[in-house]
Amino acid sequence: MRFIIPCVVLVAHIRASSAESGTYDRDTYDKGCGGKPADVVFVLDSSASISAEDFHKQIEFTSDVVDLFDIGPQKTRVGVILFSTKEYPVFGLTRFTDKPAMERAIEGIIQRVGGTQTQTALQYIREHEFKEHVRPGVPQIAIVLTDGQSYDRSVTVHEATLNHEAGITTFVIGIGSGVDMTELSALASSPHTTYLHRIGDYSILQSIKTRLAIETCKVKYVKPTPRPTPAPTIQADAPADSSECVLSLIIGVDTNGVSTRSTKNILSFLSDVTENLSGLPGKVRTSQIMTECADSHRIVRSKSYAPLIKKMRYQIPKKSSRVRSAGILFINSQIEDASTAVTEVRRARFNGFQLFVVVVGQSGEENDLSTLLGVKSSSKEYSGSVFKSPAYSKLPVIVTELIQALEESASCV
C-alpha cells in the first residue's frame, strides 16, 4: 500500500524569519563560522524525474552554497557527485583549491538522467572520497538532494548506516511530494531538526542556502564507530546461500522520443513492480539502464535496440544455481536493427537471462517480437514474455501479469 505525503513546505530548524526569505548574507555566515575546516561532498539527484529547469536550480543552489564556504587546502574542501542509474563523480575533494575554478566546474555540470540508485553514490563517497582523502580531526559531511525514492530502500538504508558509522555527517534535502520520508530519515544524521529538510519544490532551495552553510560549518568531527567483529559460528557443510534464491532484475528503457510525463509513468510502474516483488522468498536485486533524455514530445517510429540490450547483458551476474537473471525491455517503436538485437538477446540467453518485453502503443510487430525472443508468436512462451499497454499512462494494468511472470522466473527449483 502506498501513502502519499502531501506536498508541504517543511524546512527544518528554520523559523519564519529572514532565513526563509533568503536574506542571509555573507556577513551572517562569517559570524557563525569563522573559516572552520571541513570536507563536504554534495550528492545530487540526476534522475529522469527531474526536469532540466529544476536540475539547473539544484546546480545553482550548490554553487551558491559553495560560494559561502572558505575554500582552500587547509579550509573547506568540496566534492560533487551525481546519481541516477549509477553514481557519476563530477570532481573530488582534492580537485580544486580555489573557489572560482570550482564554481565554474559546478556551473558546467550536465544532467545524467536515469533511475534512482541512491545507494551507489552513498557507497562511493564513503569508500573513495572520504576514505582516500581523509584529514584527521576534520568533519566529513555529505549533503544529499533528491526528489524521489531509491529503487532499493533496504540497500540504501544499509549504505546510509555504514556512512553514519564511518563518521560521515549527512544533511538530506527532500524536494517535492515524491520523497520517501522513512528512507530520508534513515539517511539523515540526528537530530533531524538540523539535518533533515523537506521543501515543496526546487524554487525554495534558495531560501535555505545560508542556513545550510552555517549548519554545515557548525558540524563537529565525528569519530568513526568500528563494527564489532562477529563471533565465530559453526557453519554447516552447505554454502550459506544454499537456501536463498536471488533474482537479478535488469530494466532497459530508451527514453528517446518519450516525454517527461511518460518517463514518470515508467518510473512509477517500475516502482510498483519492484515493490510487489519484495515479497519473494529470496532477494531481488534491480538495476536500471535508461538512455537518452526524456525531454521530447516527438514520435520516434523506429530505432535501434541492440545497444540497449547489450548494456543490459553486461549487467547479468555470473551464472549460479541460486541466481536467476531476468530483464524488462520497453519497446515503443519499430525495431530497426532486428538482426543485431536478436544476436544480443541470444548472447544474453546463453548466460541464463530471460527477457520480458513491455510494448507500449502500436509499436513492434508480432513477427519482430517473435524473432527477438526466439519463440513463435502463437506459443505460451511468447504470451508469457510480451506484455502490451496502449499508453504509458495505462502501464498499471499489466503490473499483476508481469509480476506473476517474474515470480515464476525467480524460482531456483
Protein backbone atom coordinates (compact mmCIF):
# COMPACT_ATOMS: atom_id res chain seq x y z
CA MET A 1 0.00 0.00 0.00
CA ARG A 2 1.27 3.45 -0.85
CA PHE A 3 0.91 6.51 1.28
CA ILE A 4 1.05 9.84 -0.47
CA ILE A 5 2.55 12.53 1.70
CA PRO A 6 1.02 15.94 0.96
CA CYS A 7 3.36 18.40 -0.64
CA VAL A 8 4.03 20.80 2.20
CA VAL A 9 6.91 23.11 2.80
CA LEU A 10 8.84 21.99 5.85
CA VAL A 11 12.30 23.42 6.34
CA ALA A 12 13.80 22.01 9.49
CA HIS A 13 15.28 24.38 12.05
CA ILE A 14 14.32 27.48 10.01
CA ARG A 15 11.72 29.71 11.54
CA ALA A 16 9.61 32.37 9.87
CA SER A 17 12.39 34.88 9.71
CA SER A 18 14.98 36.26 7.35
CA ALA A 19 16.27 32.70 6.84
CA GLU A 20 13.13 31.69 4.98
CA SER A 21 13.15 34.79 2.84
CA GLY A 22 16.72 34.12 1.79
CA THR A 23 18.09 37.41 3.21
CA TYR A 24 21.05 35.89 4.98
CA ASP A 25 24.28 37.31 3.55
CA ARG A 26 27.99 36.58 3.66
CA ASP A 27 28.43 38.50 6.94
CA THR A 28 25.88 36.23 8.62
CA TYR A 29 27.85 33.18 7.51
CA ASP A 30 31.21 34.65 8.60
CA LYS A 31 29.89 35.45 12.07
CA GLY A 32 28.61 31.92 12.50
CA CYS A 33 31.58 30.03 11.08
CA GLY A 34 34.91 31.78 11.05
CA GLY A 35 36.63 29.64 8.45
CA LYS A 36 36.44 26.25 10.17
CA PRO A 37 37.84 23.40 8.03
CA ALA A 38 35.51 20.71 6.68
CA ASP A 39 35.29 18.16 3.87
CA VAL A 40 31.93 18.46 2.10
CA VAL A 41 30.56 16.29 -0.71
CA PHE A 42 27.32 17.25 -2.49
CA VAL A 43 25.32 14.19 -3.58
CA LEU A 44 22.88 15.39 -6.25
CA ASP A 45 19.91 13.56 -7.75
CA SER A 46 20.19 13.48 -11.54
CA SER A 47 17.33 11.07 -12.28
CA ALA A 48 14.84 11.40 -15.14
CA SER A 49 12.08 12.64 -12.83
CA ILE A 50 13.88 15.99 -12.53
CA SER A 51 13.22 18.49 -15.31
CA ALA A 52 16.12 20.33 -16.91
CA GLU A 53 14.92 23.56 -15.30
CA ASP A 54 14.80 22.06 -11.81
CA PHE A 55 18.16 20.38 -12.28
CA HIS A 56 19.62 23.79 -13.12
CA LYS A 57 18.11 25.19 -9.89
CA GLN A 58 19.80 22.38 -7.98
CA ILE A 59 23.14 23.23 -9.57
CA GLU A 60 22.65 26.94 -8.90
CA PHE A 61 21.87 26.17 -5.26
CA THR A 62 25.03 24.06 -4.95
CA SER A 63 27.14 26.84 -6.42
CA ASP A 64 25.59 29.43 -4.10
CA VAL A 65 26.24 27.31 -1.00
CA VAL A 66 29.84 26.72 -2.09
CA ASP A 67 30.23 30.48 -2.59
CA LEU A 68 29.68 30.91 1.15
CA PHE A 69 32.42 28.44 2.09
CA ASP A 70 36.05 29.38 2.72
CA ILE A 71 37.64 27.15 0.08
CA GLY A 72 41.24 26.04 0.45
CA PRO A 73 43.52 23.04 1.13
CA GLN A 74 43.53 23.83 4.86
CA LYS A 75 39.96 25.13 5.00
CA THR A 76 36.85 23.71 3.34
CA ARG A 77 37.25 21.19 0.54
CA VAL A 78 34.32 20.28 -1.69
CA GLY A 79 33.40 17.37 -3.96
CA VAL A 80 30.33 16.79 -6.12
CA ILE A 81 28.77 13.54 -7.30
CA LEU A 82 25.57 12.88 -9.26
CA PHE A 83 23.45 9.75 -9.05
CA SER A 84 20.79 8.24 -11.29
CA THR A 85 21.18 4.76 -12.77
CA LYS A 86 24.62 4.72 -11.10
CA GLU A 87 26.99 7.19 -9.48
CA TYR A 88 28.64 9.90 -11.63
CA PRO A 89 31.55 11.58 -9.82
CA VAL A 90 31.98 15.18 -11.04
CA PHE A 91 35.05 16.18 -9.04
CA GLY A 92 36.63 15.09 -5.78
CA LEU A 93 37.74 16.82 -2.60
CA THR A 94 41.28 17.46 -3.78
CA ARG A 95 40.47 18.62 -7.33
CA PHE A 96 40.09 22.36 -6.71
CA THR A 97 41.87 24.64 -4.27
CA ASP A 98 40.34 27.93 -5.42
CA LYS A 99 36.70 28.90 -5.40
CA PRO A 100 36.29 30.44 -8.91
CA ALA A 101 37.53 27.30 -10.67
CA MET A 102 35.30 25.14 -8.50
CA GLU A 103 32.22 27.25 -9.20
CA ARG A 104 32.89 27.13 -12.95
CA ALA A 105 33.06 23.34 -12.74
CA ILE A 106 29.77 23.22 -10.85
CA GLU A 107 28.03 25.53 -13.32
CA GLY A 108 29.15 23.25 -16.16
CA ILE A 109 27.59 20.07 -14.71
CA ILE A 110 25.41 18.17 -17.20
CA GLN A 111 22.43 16.11 -16.08
CA ARG A 112 22.81 12.33 -16.38
CA VAL A 113 19.25 11.02 -16.46
CA GLY A 114 18.27 7.54 -15.40
CA GLY A 115 16.85 5.73 -12.40
CA THR A 116 17.39 6.50 -8.70
CA GLN A 117 20.22 4.33 -7.38
CA THR A 118 20.97 6.45 -4.34
CA GLN A 119 22.91 3.68 -2.63
CA THR A 120 25.69 3.65 -5.23
CA ALA A 121 26.55 7.29 -4.52
CA LEU A 122 26.46 6.77 -0.75
CA GLN A 123 28.83 3.84 -1.05
CA TYR A 124 31.14 5.75 -3.39
CA ILE A 125 31.63 8.77 -1.15
CA ARG A 126 32.42 6.53 1.82
CA GLU A 127 34.81 4.14 0.08
CA HIS A 128 36.52 6.69 -2.14
CA GLU A 129 36.15 10.37 -1.35
CA PHE A 130 36.22 10.34 2.44
CA LYS A 131 38.40 7.26 2.84
CA GLU A 132 41.06 8.23 0.31
CA HIS A 133 41.24 11.93 1.20
CA VAL A 134 40.73 11.87 4.96
CA ARG A 135 42.08 14.73 7.11
CA PRO A 136 42.44 13.68 10.76
CA GLY A 137 40.04 15.51 13.01
CA VAL A 138 38.24 17.29 10.16
CA PRO A 139 34.45 16.82 9.85
CA GLN A 140 33.26 14.72 6.92
CA ILE A 141 29.93 15.98 5.59
CA ALA A 142 27.56 14.80 2.87
CA ILE A 143 24.74 16.98 1.53
CA VAL A 144 22.16 14.83 -0.29
CA LEU A 145 19.47 16.36 -2.52
CA THR A 146 16.72 14.17 -4.00
CA ASP A 147 13.18 14.47 -5.32
CA GLY A 148 12.23 10.79 -5.18
CA GLN A 149 12.91 7.46 -3.56
CA SER A 150 15.63 4.96 -4.34
CA TYR A 151 14.84 1.74 -6.18
CA ASP A 152 16.12 -0.36 -3.30
CA ARG A 153 15.27 1.20 0.05
CA SER A 154 16.83 -1.55 2.17
CA VAL A 155 20.21 -1.32 0.43
CA THR A 156 20.13 2.48 0.52
CA VAL A 157 19.39 2.48 4.26
CA HIS A 158 22.19 -0.05 4.80
CA GLU A 159 24.70 2.18 2.96
CA ALA A 160 23.50 5.20 4.96
CA THR A 161 24.05 3.27 8.20
CA LEU A 162 27.60 2.42 7.14
CA ASN A 163 28.18 6.10 6.37
CA HIS A 164 26.97 7.13 9.83
CA GLU A 165 29.26 4.54 11.41
CA ALA A 166 32.15 5.88 9.31
CA GLY A 167 31.66 9.33 10.88
CA ILE A 168 30.01 10.98 7.88
CA THR A 169 27.52 13.64 8.99
CA THR A 170 24.70 13.71 6.45
CA PHE A 171 22.34 16.54 5.58
CA VAL A 172 19.33 15.48 3.48
CA ILE A 173 17.06 17.76 1.47
CA GLY A 174 13.92 16.05 0.17
CA ILE A 175 12.20 18.04 -2.57
CA GLY A 176 8.53 17.70 -3.53
CA SER A 177 5.84 15.16 -2.63
CA GLY A 178 7.50 12.11 -4.20
CA VAL A 179 10.10 11.56 -1.50
CA ASP A 180 10.09 8.62 0.92
CA MET A 181 10.39 10.27 4.33
CA THR A 182 11.12 6.96 6.03
CA GLU A 183 14.09 6.46 3.76
CA LEU A 184 15.29 10.06 4.09
CA SER A 185 15.03 9.86 7.88
CA ALA A 186 17.42 6.90 7.78
CA LEU A 187 19.81 8.81 5.50
CA ALA A 188 19.98 11.95 7.63
CA SER A 189 22.07 12.35 10.76
CA SER A 190 20.47 13.14 14.11
CA PRO A 191 18.83 15.32 15.19
CA HIS A 192 16.50 15.55 12.19
CA THR A 193 15.54 19.10 13.13
CA THR A 194 19.01 20.07 11.94
CA TYR A 195 19.93 17.52 9.31
CA LEU A 196 16.66 16.63 7.55
CA HIS A 197 14.91 19.22 5.39
CA ARG A 198 11.83 18.85 3.24
CA ILE A 199 10.72 21.56 0.84
CA GLY A 200 7.89 21.85 -1.66
CA ASP A 201 9.85 22.44 -4.86
CA TYR A 202 13.24 23.43 -6.26
CA SER A 203 12.44 27.14 -6.31
CA ILE A 204 12.51 27.14 -2.48
CA LEU A 205 16.11 25.88 -2.33
CA GLN A 206 17.50 29.41 -2.35
CA SER A 207 15.70 30.22 0.90
CA ILE A 208 17.75 27.70 2.87
CA LYS A 209 21.23 28.08 1.34
CA THR A 210 22.81 30.28 4.02
CA ARG A 211 21.25 28.40 6.92
CA LEU A 212 22.54 25.15 5.40
CA ALA A 213 26.02 26.62 5.00
CA ILE A 214 26.02 27.80 8.63
CA GLU A 215 24.79 24.44 9.94
CA THR A 216 27.46 22.75 7.82
CA CYS A 217 30.30 24.75 9.33
CA LYS A 218 28.99 24.02 12.84
CA VAL A 219 29.38 20.27 12.35
CA LYS A 220 31.97 18.75 14.65
CA TYR A 221 34.29 15.89 13.83
CA VAL A 222 32.63 12.51 14.37
CA LYS A 223 34.91 9.65 15.24
CA PRO A 224 34.12 6.51 13.22
CA THR A 225 32.44 3.70 15.11
CA PRO A 226 34.02 0.40 14.12
CA ARG A 227 31.65 -2.50 13.74
CA PRO A 228 32.20 -5.25 16.32
CA THR A 229 33.85 -8.38 15.00
CA PRO A 230 31.16 -11.08 14.83
CA ALA A 231 31.72 -14.13 16.97
CA PRO A 232 32.79 -17.21 15.01
CA THR A 233 29.97 -19.57 14.22
CA ILE A 234 29.93 -23.21 13.21
CA GLN A 235 28.86 -23.45 9.59
CA ALA A 236 27.05 -26.39 8.07
CA ASP A 237 28.57 -28.13 5.10
CA ALA A 238 26.15 -26.42 2.73
CA PRO A 239 27.08 -22.93 1.44
CA ALA A 240 25.49 -20.00 3.31
CA ASP A 241 23.27 -19.04 0.41
CA SER A 242 22.13 -22.55 -0.46
CA SER A 243 18.55 -21.88 0.64
CA GLU A 244 18.25 -18.42 -0.82
CA CYS A 245 17.27 -17.69 -4.38
CA VAL A 246 18.30 -14.35 -5.87
CA LEU A 247 16.51 -12.65 -8.75
CA SER A 248 18.67 -10.16 -10.63
CA LEU A 249 16.22 -7.91 -12.48
CA ILE A 250 17.70 -5.69 -15.21
CA ILE A 251 15.49 -2.99 -16.68
CA GLY A 252 16.18 -1.31 -20.02
CA VAL A 253 14.43 1.85 -21.20
CA ASP A 254 15.29 4.04 -24.19
CA THR A 255 13.58 7.35 -23.50
CA ASN A 256 14.45 8.84 -26.87
CA GLY A 257 11.24 10.46 -28.07
CA VAL A 258 9.49 9.88 -24.75
CA SER A 259 8.02 12.84 -22.89
CA THR A 260 8.94 13.67 -19.30
CA ARG A 261 5.41 12.74 -18.18
CA SER A 262 5.66 9.34 -19.87
CA THR A 263 9.05 8.77 -18.26
CA LYS A 264 7.50 9.44 -14.86
CA ASN A 265 4.79 6.89 -15.72
CA ILE A 266 7.51 4.36 -16.48
CA LEU A 267 9.32 5.04 -13.20
CA SER A 268 6.07 4.75 -11.23
CA PHE A 269 5.28 1.47 -12.99
CA LEU A 270 8.74 0.07 -12.21
CA SER A 271 8.37 1.14 -8.59
CA ASP A 272 5.07 -0.78 -8.37
CA VAL A 273 6.66 -3.88 -9.88
CA THR A 274 9.76 -3.89 -7.65
CA GLU A 275 7.76 -3.13 -4.51
CA ASN A 276 5.50 -6.12 -5.12
CA LEU A 277 8.45 -8.35 -5.90
CA SER A 278 9.91 -7.58 -2.48
CA GLY A 279 7.62 -10.27 -1.07
CA LEU A 280 9.51 -13.07 -2.80
CA PRO A 281 11.16 -15.66 -0.51
CA GLY A 282 14.63 -14.76 -1.81
CA LYS A 283 16.30 -11.48 -2.64
CA VAL A 284 15.58 -9.20 -5.58
CA ARG A 285 18.36 -7.06 -6.98
CA THR A 286 17.45 -4.46 -9.56
CA SER A 287 19.47 -2.35 -11.95
CA GLN A 288 18.16 0.19 -14.46
CA ILE A 289 19.59 1.33 -17.75
CA MET A 290 17.93 4.43 -19.16
CA THR A 291 19.36 6.03 -22.27
CA GLU A 292 18.85 9.39 -23.98
CA CYS A 293 16.98 12.32 -22.47
CA ALA A 294 13.30 12.36 -21.63
CA ASP A 295 12.70 15.84 -22.96
CA SER A 296 10.92 15.33 -26.27
CA HIS A 297 7.29 15.02 -27.37
CA ARG A 298 8.07 13.87 -30.88
CA ILE A 299 7.16 10.37 -32.05
CA VAL A 300 10.09 8.09 -32.84
CA ARG A 301 8.76 5.45 -35.24
CA SER A 302 11.84 3.25 -35.34
CA LYS A 303 15.15 3.00 -33.53
CA SER A 304 17.96 0.69 -32.53
CA TYR A 305 17.53 -1.55 -29.51
CA ALA A 306 20.66 -3.71 -29.78
CA PRO A 307 22.90 -1.20 -27.89
CA LEU A 308 20.44 -1.09 -25.00
CA ILE A 309 20.13 -4.89 -24.86
CA LYS A 310 23.92 -5.13 -24.94
CA LYS A 311 24.17 -2.83 -21.91
CA MET A 312 21.60 -4.98 -20.15
CA ARG A 313 23.61 -8.08 -21.00
CA TYR A 314 26.69 -6.60 -19.36
CA GLN A 315 24.74 -6.37 -16.09
CA ILE A 316 23.96 -10.11 -15.99
CA PRO A 317 25.59 -11.66 -12.90
CA LYS A 318 27.80 -14.70 -13.03
CA LYS A 319 25.92 -17.94 -13.60
CA SER A 320 24.84 -19.72 -10.44
CA SER A 321 22.28 -22.34 -9.48
CA ARG A 322 20.94 -19.93 -6.86
CA VAL A 323 20.73 -16.85 -9.07
CA ARG A 324 18.16 -16.14 -11.77
CA SER A 325 18.52 -13.18 -14.08
CA ALA A 326 15.66 -11.55 -15.96
CA GLY A 327 15.13 -8.31 -17.83
CA ILE A 328 12.32 -5.93 -18.72
CA LEU A 329 12.79 -4.20 -22.07
CA PHE A 330 10.48 -1.35 -23.04
CA ILE A 331 9.68 -1.07 -26.76
CA ASN A 332 7.84 1.96 -28.09
CA SER A 333 8.77 1.84 -31.78
CA GLN A 334 9.62 -0.48 -34.64
CA ILE A 335 12.93 -2.31 -34.23
CA GLU A 336 15.20 -1.07 -36.99
CA ASP A 337 18.17 -3.27 -36.02
CA ALA A 338 16.27 -6.53 -35.51
CA SER A 339 19.06 -8.89 -36.58
CA THR A 340 21.65 -7.29 -34.30
CA ALA A 341 19.15 -7.12 -31.45
CA VAL A 342 18.36 -10.83 -31.87
CA THR A 343 22.07 -11.62 -31.60
CA GLU A 344 22.33 -9.68 -28.33
CA VAL A 345 19.29 -11.47 -26.90
CA ARG A 346 20.74 -14.86 -27.83
CA ARG A 347 24.02 -13.98 -26.12
CA ALA A 348 22.09 -12.93 -23.02
CA ARG A 349 20.01 -16.14 -23.03
CA PHE A 350 23.23 -18.15 -23.19
CA ASN A 351 24.04 -16.63 -19.78
CA GLY A 352 20.69 -17.74 -18.35
CA PHE A 353 18.92 -14.45 -18.99
CA GLN A 354 15.13 -14.36 -19.51
CA LEU A 355 13.79 -11.34 -21.36
CA PHE A 356 10.33 -9.83 -20.87
CA VAL A 357 9.13 -7.17 -23.30
CA VAL A 358 6.75 -4.34 -22.48
CA VAL A 359 5.26 -2.96 -25.70
CA VAL A 360 3.70 0.49 -25.49
CA GLY A 361 1.20 1.66 -28.11
CA GLN A 362 1.17 0.08 -31.55
CA SER A 363 4.93 -0.44 -31.52
CA GLY A 364 6.61 -3.66 -32.52
CA GLU A 365 5.16 -6.19 -34.96
CA GLU A 366 4.41 -9.74 -33.85
CA ASN A 367 6.99 -11.22 -36.21
CA ASP A 368 9.75 -8.88 -34.99
CA LEU A 369 8.97 -9.62 -31.36
CA SER A 370 8.75 -13.34 -32.04
CA THR A 371 12.14 -13.27 -33.76
CA LEU A 372 13.63 -11.16 -31.00
CA LEU A 373 12.56 -13.62 -28.30
CA GLY A 374 13.26 -16.72 -30.35
CA VAL A 375 9.77 -18.19 -29.86
CA LYS A 376 6.65 -18.47 -32.02
CA SER A 377 4.05 -15.73 -31.57
CA SER A 378 1.39 -18.39 -31.02
CA SER A 379 3.31 -20.11 -28.23
CA LYS A 380 2.76 -19.98 -24.49
CA GLU A 381 6.34 -18.72 -24.06
CA TYR A 382 5.54 -15.71 -26.24
CA SER A 383 2.33 -14.79 -24.42
CA GLY A 384 4.18 -15.12 -21.11
CA SER A 385 7.01 -12.85 -22.25
CA VAL A 386 5.24 -10.00 -24.09
CA PHE A 387 3.05 -7.52 -22.25
CA LYS A 388 1.19 -4.79 -24.09
CA SER A 389 -0.10 -1.44 -22.90
CA PRO A 390 -1.96 1.06 -25.13
CA ALA A 391 -0.16 4.01 -23.48
CA TYR A 392 2.35 4.82 -20.76
CA SER A 393 -0.45 6.06 -18.54
CA LYS A 394 -2.06 2.60 -18.80
CA LEU A 395 1.00 0.65 -17.66
CA PRO A 396 -0.53 -0.21 -14.25
CA VAL A 397 -2.96 -2.63 -15.95
CA ILE A 398 -0.13 -5.05 -16.74
CA VAL A 399 1.59 -4.92 -13.32
CA THR A 400 -0.06 -8.07 -11.95
CA GLU A 401 0.63 -10.20 -15.03
CA LEU A 402 4.24 -9.08 -15.23
CA ILE A 403 4.84 -9.76 -11.54
CA GLN A 404 3.44 -13.28 -11.90
CA ALA A 405 5.78 -13.95 -14.81
CA LEU A 406 8.76 -12.57 -12.90
CA GLU A 407 7.93 -14.65 -9.84
CA GLU A 408 7.99 -17.80 -11.97
CA SER A 409 11.35 -16.84 -13.45
CA ALA A 410 12.71 -16.20 -9.94
CA SER A 411 12.29 -19.82 -8.87
CA CYS A 412 15.54 -21.72 -8.34
CA VAL A 413 13.75 -25.07 -8.10
